[in-house]
PDB file of all heavy atoms in Angstrom:
ATOM      1  N   LEU A   1      48.420  56.310  92.968  1.00  0.00           N
ATOM      2  CA  LEU A   1      47.011  56.102  93.465  1.00  0.00           C
ATOM      3  C   LEU A   1      46.711  54.593  93.506  1.00  0.00           C
ATOM      4  O   LEU A   1      47.288  53.858  92.834  1.00  0.00           O
ATOM      5  CB  LEU A   1      46.014  56.876  92.567  1.00  0.00           C
ATOM      6  CG  LEU A   1      46.302  58.460  92.346  1.00  0.00           C
ATOM      7  CD1 LEU A   1      45.429  58.912  91.289  1.00  0.00           C
ATOM      8  CD2 LEU A   1      46.025  59.109  93.643  1.00  0.00           C
ATOM      9  N   SER A   2      45.690  54.318  94.342  1.00  0.00           N
ATOM     10  CA  SER A   2      45.191  53.000  94.299  1.00  0.00           C
ATOM     11  C   SER A   2      43.824  52.976  93.885  1.00  0.00           C
ATOM     12  O   SER A   2      43.157  53.920  93.793  1.00  0.00           O
ATOM     13  CB  SER A   2      45.209  52.426  95.756  1.00  0.00           C
ATOM     14  OG  SER A   2      44.475  53.243  96.683  1.00  0.00           O
ATOM     15  N   ALA A   3      43.372  51.762  93.432  1.00  0.00           N
ATOM     16  CA  ALA A   3      41.997  51.666  92.808  1.00  0.00           C
ATOM     17  C   ALA A   3      41.396  50.442  93.311  1.00  0.00           C
ATOM     18  O   ALA A   3      41.951  49.437  93.649  1.00  0.00           O
ATOM     19  CB  ALA A   3      42.151  51.680  91.194  1.00  0.00           C
ATOM     20  N   LYS A   4      39.987  50.483  93.167  1.00  0.00           N
ATOM     21  CA  LYS A   4      39.125  49.331  93.460  1.00  0.00           C
ATOM     22  C   LYS A   4      38.543  48.842  92.208  1.00  0.00           C
ATOM     23  O   LYS A   4      37.591  49.278  91.786  1.00  0.00           O
ATOM     24  CB  LYS A   4      38.094  49.578  94.415  1.00  0.00           C
ATOM     25  CG  LYS A   4      38.667  50.133  95.791  1.00  0.00           C
ATOM     26  CD  LYS A   4      37.392  50.846  96.610  1.00  0.00           C
ATOM     27  CE  LYS A   4      37.961  51.524  97.761  1.00  0.00           C
ATOM     28  NZ  LYS A   4      36.983  52.456  98.462  1.00  0.00           N
ATOM     29  N   ARG A   5      39.345  47.904  91.594  1.00  0.00           N
ATOM     30  CA  ARG A   5      38.776  47.375  90.306  1.00  0.00           C
ATOM     31  C   ARG A   5      37.741  46.323  90.381  1.00  0.00           C
ATOM     32  O   ARG A   5      37.941  45.389  91.205  1.00  0.00           O
ATOM     33  CB  ARG A   5      40.001  46.795  89.488  1.00  0.00           C
ATOM     34  CG  ARG A   5      39.703  46.495  87.950  1.00  0.00           C
ATOM     35  CD  ARG A   5      40.893  46.266  87.255  1.00  0.00           C
ATOM     36  NE  ARG A   5      41.835  45.211  87.718  1.00  0.00           N
ATOM     37  CZ  ARG A   5      43.188  44.969  87.315  1.00  0.00           C
ATOM     38  NH1 ARG A   5      43.570  45.792  86.385  1.00  0.00           N
ATOM     39  NH2 ARG A   5      43.890  44.101  87.901  1.00  0.00           N
ATOM     40  N   LEU A   6      36.790  46.404  89.631  1.00  0.00           N
ATOM     41  CA  LEU A   6      35.756  45.364  89.451  1.00  0.00           C
ATOM     42  C   LEU A   6      36.169  44.166  88.845  1.00  0.00           C
ATOM     43  O   LEU A   6      36.554  44.242  87.606  1.00  0.00           O
ATOM     44  CB  LEU A   6      34.443  45.919  88.865  1.00  0.00           C
ATOM     45  CG  LEU A   6      33.461  46.784  90.003  1.00  0.00           C
ATOM     46  CD1 LEU A   6      34.106  47.917  90.318  1.00  0.00           C
ATOM     47  CD2 LEU A   6      32.168  46.855  89.287  1.00  0.00           C
ATOM     48  N   ARG A   7      36.161  42.993  89.331  1.00  0.00           N
ATOM     49  CA  ARG A   7      36.447  41.859  88.659  1.00  0.00           C
ATOM     50  C   ARG A   7      35.331  41.328  87.743  1.00  0.00           C
ATOM     51  O   ARG A   7      34.050  41.723  87.871  1.00  0.00           O
ATOM     52  CB  ARG A   7      36.662  40.626  89.674  1.00  0.00           C
ATOM     53  CG  ARG A   7      37.806  40.765  90.617  1.00  0.00           C
ATOM     54  CD  ARG A   7      38.042  39.439  91.308  1.00  0.00           C
ATOM     55  NE  ARG A   7      39.085  39.426  92.204  1.00  0.00           N
ATOM     56  CZ  ARG A   7      39.041  39.708  93.592  1.00  0.00           C
ATOM     57  NH1 ARG A   7      37.812  39.996  94.039  1.00  0.00           N
ATOM     58  NH2 ARG A   7      40.103  39.859  94.250  1.00  0.00           N
ATOM     59  N   ALA A   8      35.663  40.683  86.594  1.00  0.00           N
ATOM     60  CA  ALA A   8      34.621  40.297  85.668  1.00  0.00           C
ATOM     61  C   ALA A   8      33.716  39.233  86.409  1.00  0.00           C
ATOM     62  O   ALA A   8      32.549  39.183  86.073  1.00  0.00           O
ATOM     63  CB  ALA A   8      35.315  39.613  84.503  1.00  0.00           C
ATOM     64  N   SER A   9      34.302  38.495  87.208  1.00  0.00           N
ATOM     65  CA  SER A   9      33.450  37.457  88.078  1.00  0.00           C
ATOM     66  C   SER A   9      32.674  38.066  89.077  1.00  0.00           C
ATOM     67  O   SER A   9      31.865  37.356  89.868  1.00  0.00           O
ATOM     68  CB  SER A   9      34.378  36.344  88.464  1.00  0.00           C
ATOM     69  OG  SER A   9      35.437  36.912  89.380  1.00  0.00           O
ATOM     70  N   GLY A  10      32.820  39.270  89.377  1.00  0.00           N
ATOM     71  CA  GLY A  10      32.137  40.047  90.561  1.00  0.00           C
ATOM     72  C   GLY A  10      33.166  40.361  91.689  1.00  0.00           C
ATOM     73  O   GLY A  10      34.163  39.632  91.775  1.00  0.00           O
ATOM     74  N   GLY A  11      32.780  41.212  92.532  1.00  0.00           N
ATOM     75  CA  GLY A  11      33.706  41.537  93.636  1.00  0.00           C
ATOM     76  C   GLY A  11      34.671  42.651  93.184  1.00  0.00           C
ATOM     77  O   GLY A  11      34.793  42.987  92.096  1.00  0.00           O
ATOM     78  N   LEU A  12      35.473  43.065  94.232  1.00  0.00           N
ATOM     79  CA  LEU A  12      36.476  44.060  94.004  1.00  0.00           C
ATOM     80  C   LEU A  12      37.888  43.613  94.289  1.00  0.00           C
ATOM     81  O   LEU A  12      38.061  42.751  95.064  1.00  0.00           O
ATOM     82  CB  LEU A  12      36.253  45.325  94.931  1.00  0.00           C
ATOM     83  CG  LEU A  12      34.830  46.013  94.660  1.00  0.00           C
ATOM     84  CD1 LEU A  12      34.812  47.147  95.836  1.00  0.00           C
ATOM     85  CD2 LEU A  12      34.870  46.733  93.433  1.00  0.00           C
ATOM     86  N   GLU A  13      38.872  44.122  93.551  1.00  0.00           N
ATOM     87  CA  GLU A  13      40.251  43.791  93.855  1.00  0.00           C
ATOM     88  C   GLU A  13      41.052  45.064  93.980  1.00  0.00           C
ATOM     89  O   GLU A  13      40.941  45.959  93.161  1.00  0.00           O
ATOM     90  CB  GLU A  13      40.948  42.898  92.842  1.00  0.00           C
ATOM     91  CG  GLU A  13      40.857  43.455  91.416  1.00  0.00           C
ATOM     92  CD  GLU A  13      41.628  42.509  90.337  1.00  0.00           C
ATOM     93  OE1 GLU A  13      42.535  41.767  90.921  1.00  0.00           O
ATOM     94  OE2 GLU A  13      41.205  42.646  89.187  1.00  0.00           O
ATOM     95  N   PRO A  14      41.854  45.265  95.114  1.00  0.00           N
ATOM     96  CA  PRO A  14      42.680  46.650  95.172  1.00  0.00           C
ATOM     97  C   PRO A  14      43.867  46.382  94.325  1.00  0.00           C
ATOM     98  O   PRO A  14      44.612  45.323  94.276  1.00  0.00           O
ATOM     99  CB  PRO A  14      43.035  46.543  96.646  1.00  0.00           C
ATOM    100  CG  PRO A  14      42.970  45.089  97.028  1.00  0.00           C
ATOM    101  CD  PRO A  14      41.978  44.373  96.308  1.00  0.00           C
ATOM    102  N   VAL A  15      44.163  47.401  93.415  1.00  0.00           N
ATOM    103  CA  VAL A  15      45.236  47.391  92.609  1.00  0.00           C
ATOM    104  C   VAL A  15      45.892  48.940  92.478  1.00  0.00           C
ATOM    105  O   VAL A  15      45.143  49.813  92.700  1.00  0.00           O
ATOM    106  CB  VAL A  15      44.928  47.034  91.142  1.00  0.00           C
ATOM    107  CG1 VAL A  15      44.480  45.593  91.010  1.00  0.00           C
ATOM    108  CG2 VAL A  15      43.684  47.974  90.581  1.00  0.00           C
ATOM    109  N   PRO A  16      47.259  49.005  92.229  1.00  0.00           N
ATOM    110  CA  PRO A  16      47.676  50.270  92.033  1.00  0.00           C
ATOM    111  C   PRO A  16      47.099  50.998  90.709  1.00  0.00           C
ATOM    112  O   PRO A  16      46.824  50.125  89.732  1.00  0.00           O
ATOM    113  CB  PRO A  16      49.370  50.099  91.887  1.00  0.00           C
ATOM    114  CG  PRO A  16      49.371  48.660  91.534  1.00  0.00           C
ATOM    115  CD  PRO A  16      48.211  47.929  92.087  1.00  0.00           C
ATOM    116  N   ALA A  17      46.998  52.270  90.777  1.00  0.00           N
ATOM    117  CA  ALA A  17      46.429  52.942  89.563  1.00  0.00           C
ATOM    118  C   ALA A  17      47.257  52.625  88.256  1.00  0.00           C
ATOM    119  O   ALA A  17      46.559  52.501  87.212  1.00  0.00           O
ATOM    120  CB  ALA A  17      46.390  54.446  89.737  1.00  0.00           C
ATOM    121  N   SER A  18      48.570  52.405  88.346  1.00  0.00           N
ATOM    122  CA  SER A  18      49.456  52.085  87.165  1.00  0.00           C
ATOM    123  C   SER A  18      49.095  50.829  86.543  1.00  0.00           C
ATOM    124  O   SER A  18      49.465  50.457  85.410  1.00  0.00           O
ATOM    125  CB  SER A  18      50.816  52.098  87.686  1.00  0.00           C
ATOM    126  OG  SER A  18      51.112  51.165  88.702  1.00  0.00           O
ATOM    127  N   ALA A  19      48.371  49.961  87.287  1.00  0.00           N
ATOM    128  CA  ALA A  19      47.912  48.543  86.752  1.00  0.00           C
ATOM    129  C   ALA A  19      46.707  48.702  85.980  1.00  0.00           C
ATOM    130  O   ALA A  19      46.379  47.621  85.251  1.00  0.00           O
ATOM    131  CB  ALA A  19      47.745  47.568  87.876  1.00  0.00           C
ATOM    132  N   LEU A  20      45.984  49.860  85.887  1.00  0.00           N
ATOM    133  CA  LEU A  20      44.808  49.881  85.333  1.00  0.00           C
ATOM    134  C   LEU A  20      44.990  50.115  83.799  1.00  0.00           C
ATOM    135  O   LEU A  20      45.858  50.657  83.332  1.00  0.00           O
ATOM    136  CB  LEU A  20      43.855  51.155  85.709  1.00  0.00           C
ATOM    137  CG  LEU A  20      43.413  51.170  87.085  1.00  0.00           C
ATOM    138  CD1 LEU A  20      42.905  52.538  87.553  1.00  0.00           C
ATOM    139  CD2 LEU A  20      42.454  49.993  87.413  1.00  0.00           C
ATOM    140  N   ARG A  21      43.978  49.441  83.038  1.00  0.00           N
ATOM    141  CA  ARG A  21      44.171  49.507  81.627  1.00  0.00           C
ATOM    142  C   ARG A  21      42.833  50.067  81.048  1.00  0.00           C
ATOM    143  O   ARG A  21      41.890  50.001  81.579  1.00  0.00           O
ATOM    144  CB  ARG A  21      44.414  48.082  81.003  1.00  0.00           C
ATOM    145  CG  ARG A  21      45.919  47.534  81.365  1.00  0.00           C
ATOM    146  CD  ARG A  21      46.853  48.395  80.737  1.00  0.00           C
ATOM    147  NE  ARG A  21      48.232  47.760  81.087  1.00  0.00           N
ATOM    148  CZ  ARG A  21      48.970  48.218  82.127  1.00  0.00           C
ATOM    149  NH1 ARG A  21      48.508  49.178  82.968  1.00  0.00           N
ATOM    150  NH2 ARG A  21      50.205  47.782  82.348  1.00  0.00           N
ATOM    151  N   LEU A  22      42.871  50.464  79.738  1.00  0.00           N
ATOM    152  CA  LEU A  22      41.646  50.887  78.957  1.00  0.00           C
ATOM    153  C   LEU A  22      40.649  49.901  79.203  1.00  0.00           C
ATOM    154  O   LEU A  22      40.755  48.679  78.803  1.00  0.00           O
ATOM    155  CB  LEU A  22      42.067  51.105  77.549  1.00  0.00           C
ATOM    156  CG  LEU A  22      40.998  51.613  76.659  1.00  0.00           C
ATOM    157  CD1 LEU A  22      40.709  53.003  77.009  1.00  0.00           C
ATOM    158  CD2 LEU A  22      41.462  51.567  75.171  1.00  0.00           C
ATOM    159  N   GLY A  23      39.472  50.409  79.538  1.00  0.00           N
ATOM    160  CA  GLY A  23      38.139  49.535  79.639  1.00  0.00           C
ATOM    161  C   GLY A  23      37.912  48.874  81.081  1.00  0.00           C
ATOM    162  O   GLY A  23      36.913  48.407  81.357  1.00  0.00           O
ATOM    163  N   ASP A  24      38.922  49.019  81.931  1.00  0.00           N
ATOM    164  CA  ASP A  24      38.676  48.596  83.256  1.00  0.00           C
ATOM    165  C   ASP A  24      37.609  49.474  83.934  1.00  0.00           C
ATOM    166  O   ASP A  24      37.497  50.574  83.663  1.00  0.00           O
ATOM    167  CB  ASP A  24      39.944  48.662  84.105  1.00  0.00           C
ATOM    168  CG  ASP A  24      40.976  47.578  83.745  1.00  0.00           C
ATOM    169  OD1 ASP A  24      40.639  46.600  83.062  1.00  0.00           O
ATOM    170  OD2 ASP A  24      42.167  47.673  84.240  1.00  0.00           O
ATOM    171  N   VAL A  25      36.899  48.863  84.845  1.00  0.00           N
ATOM    172  CA  VAL A  25      35.748  49.607  85.593  1.00  0.00           C
ATOM    173  C   VAL A  25      36.260  49.663  87.128  1.00  0.00           C
ATOM    174  O   VAL A  25      36.586  48.510  87.675  1.00  0.00           O
ATOM    175  CB  VAL A  25      34.566  48.900  85.570  1.00  0.00           C
ATOM    176  CG1 VAL A  25      33.413  49.650  86.313  1.00  0.00           C
ATOM    177  CG2 VAL A  25      34.068  48.958  84.070  1.00  0.00           C
ATOM    178  N   VAL A  26      36.241  50.796  87.738  1.00  0.00           N
ATOM    179  CA  VAL A  26      36.631  50.878  89.139  1.00  0.00           C
ATOM    180  C   VAL A  26      35.440  51.488  89.913  1.00  0.00           C
ATOM    181  O   VAL A  26      34.726  52.205  89.364  1.00  0.00           O
ATOM    182  CB  VAL A  26      37.950  51.775  89.304  1.00  0.00           C
ATOM    183  CG1 VAL A  26      39.127  51.106  88.627  1.00  0.00           C
ATOM    184  CG2 VAL A  26      37.773  53.179  88.727  1.00  0.00           C
ATOM    185  N   LEU A  27      35.412  51.277  91.164  1.00  0.00           N
ATOM    186  CA  LEU A  27      34.528  51.803  92.100  1.00  0.00           C
ATOM    187  C   LEU A  27      35.214  52.859  92.946  1.00  0.00           C
ATOM    188  O   LEU A  27      36.220  52.657  93.538  1.00  0.00           O
ATOM    189  CB  LEU A  27      33.930  50.733  93.106  1.00  0.00           C
ATOM    190  CG  LEU A  27      32.968  51.313  94.115  1.00  0.00           C
ATOM    191  CD1 LEU A  27      31.622  51.758  93.528  1.00  0.00           C
ATOM    192  CD2 LEU A  27      32.631  50.201  95.214  1.00  0.00           C
ATOM    193  N   VAL A  28      34.667  54.084  92.980  1.00  0.00           N
ATOM    194  CA  VAL A  28      35.297  55.150  93.686  1.00  0.00           C
ATOM    195  C   VAL A  28      34.234  55.755  94.683  1.00  0.00           C
ATOM    196  O   VAL A  28      33.000  56.023  94.339  1.00  0.00           O
ATOM    197  CB  VAL A  28      35.580  56.412  92.682  1.00  0.00           C
ATOM    198  CG1 VAL A  28      36.344  57.376  93.540  1.00  0.00           C
ATOM    199  CG2 VAL A  28      36.397  55.889  91.499  1.00  0.00           C
ATOM    200  N   GLU A  29      34.564  55.741  95.915  1.00  0.00           N
ATOM    201  CA  GLU A  29      33.638  56.082  97.065  1.00  0.00           C
ATOM    202  C   GLU A  29      33.957  57.392  97.674  1.00  0.00           C
ATOM    203  O   GLU A  29      34.995  57.903  97.363  1.00  0.00           O
ATOM    204  CB  GLU A  29      33.604  54.868  98.042  1.00  0.00           C
ATOM    205  CG  GLU A  29      33.185  53.599  97.402  1.00  0.00           C
ATOM    206  CD  GLU A  29      33.178  52.412  98.496  1.00  0.00           C
ATOM    207  OE1 GLU A  29      34.301  52.049  98.795  1.00  0.00           O
ATOM    208  OE2 GLU A  29      32.124  51.890  98.852  1.00  0.00           O
ATOM    209  N   THR A  30      33.075  57.762  98.536  1.00  0.00           N
ATOM    210  CA  THR A  30      33.334  59.064  99.276  1.00  0.00           C
ATOM    211  C   THR A  30      34.774  59.120  99.907  1.00  0.00           C
ATOM    212  O   THR A  30      35.233  58.135 100.563  1.00  0.00           O
ATOM    213  CB  THR A  30      32.329  59.151 100.484  1.00  0.00           C
ATOM    214  OG1 THR A  30      31.070  59.308  99.749  1.00  0.00           O
ATOM    215  CG2 THR A  30      32.448  60.533 101.160  1.00  0.00           C
TER     216      THR A  30
END
């Protein structure tokens, strides 16, 4: 799966789901 991770500085970065770690915040749209 892919994810839209929120950067700490603002904005979104596309990353693979396997790169997500505990505490990350992602945006999920329709």
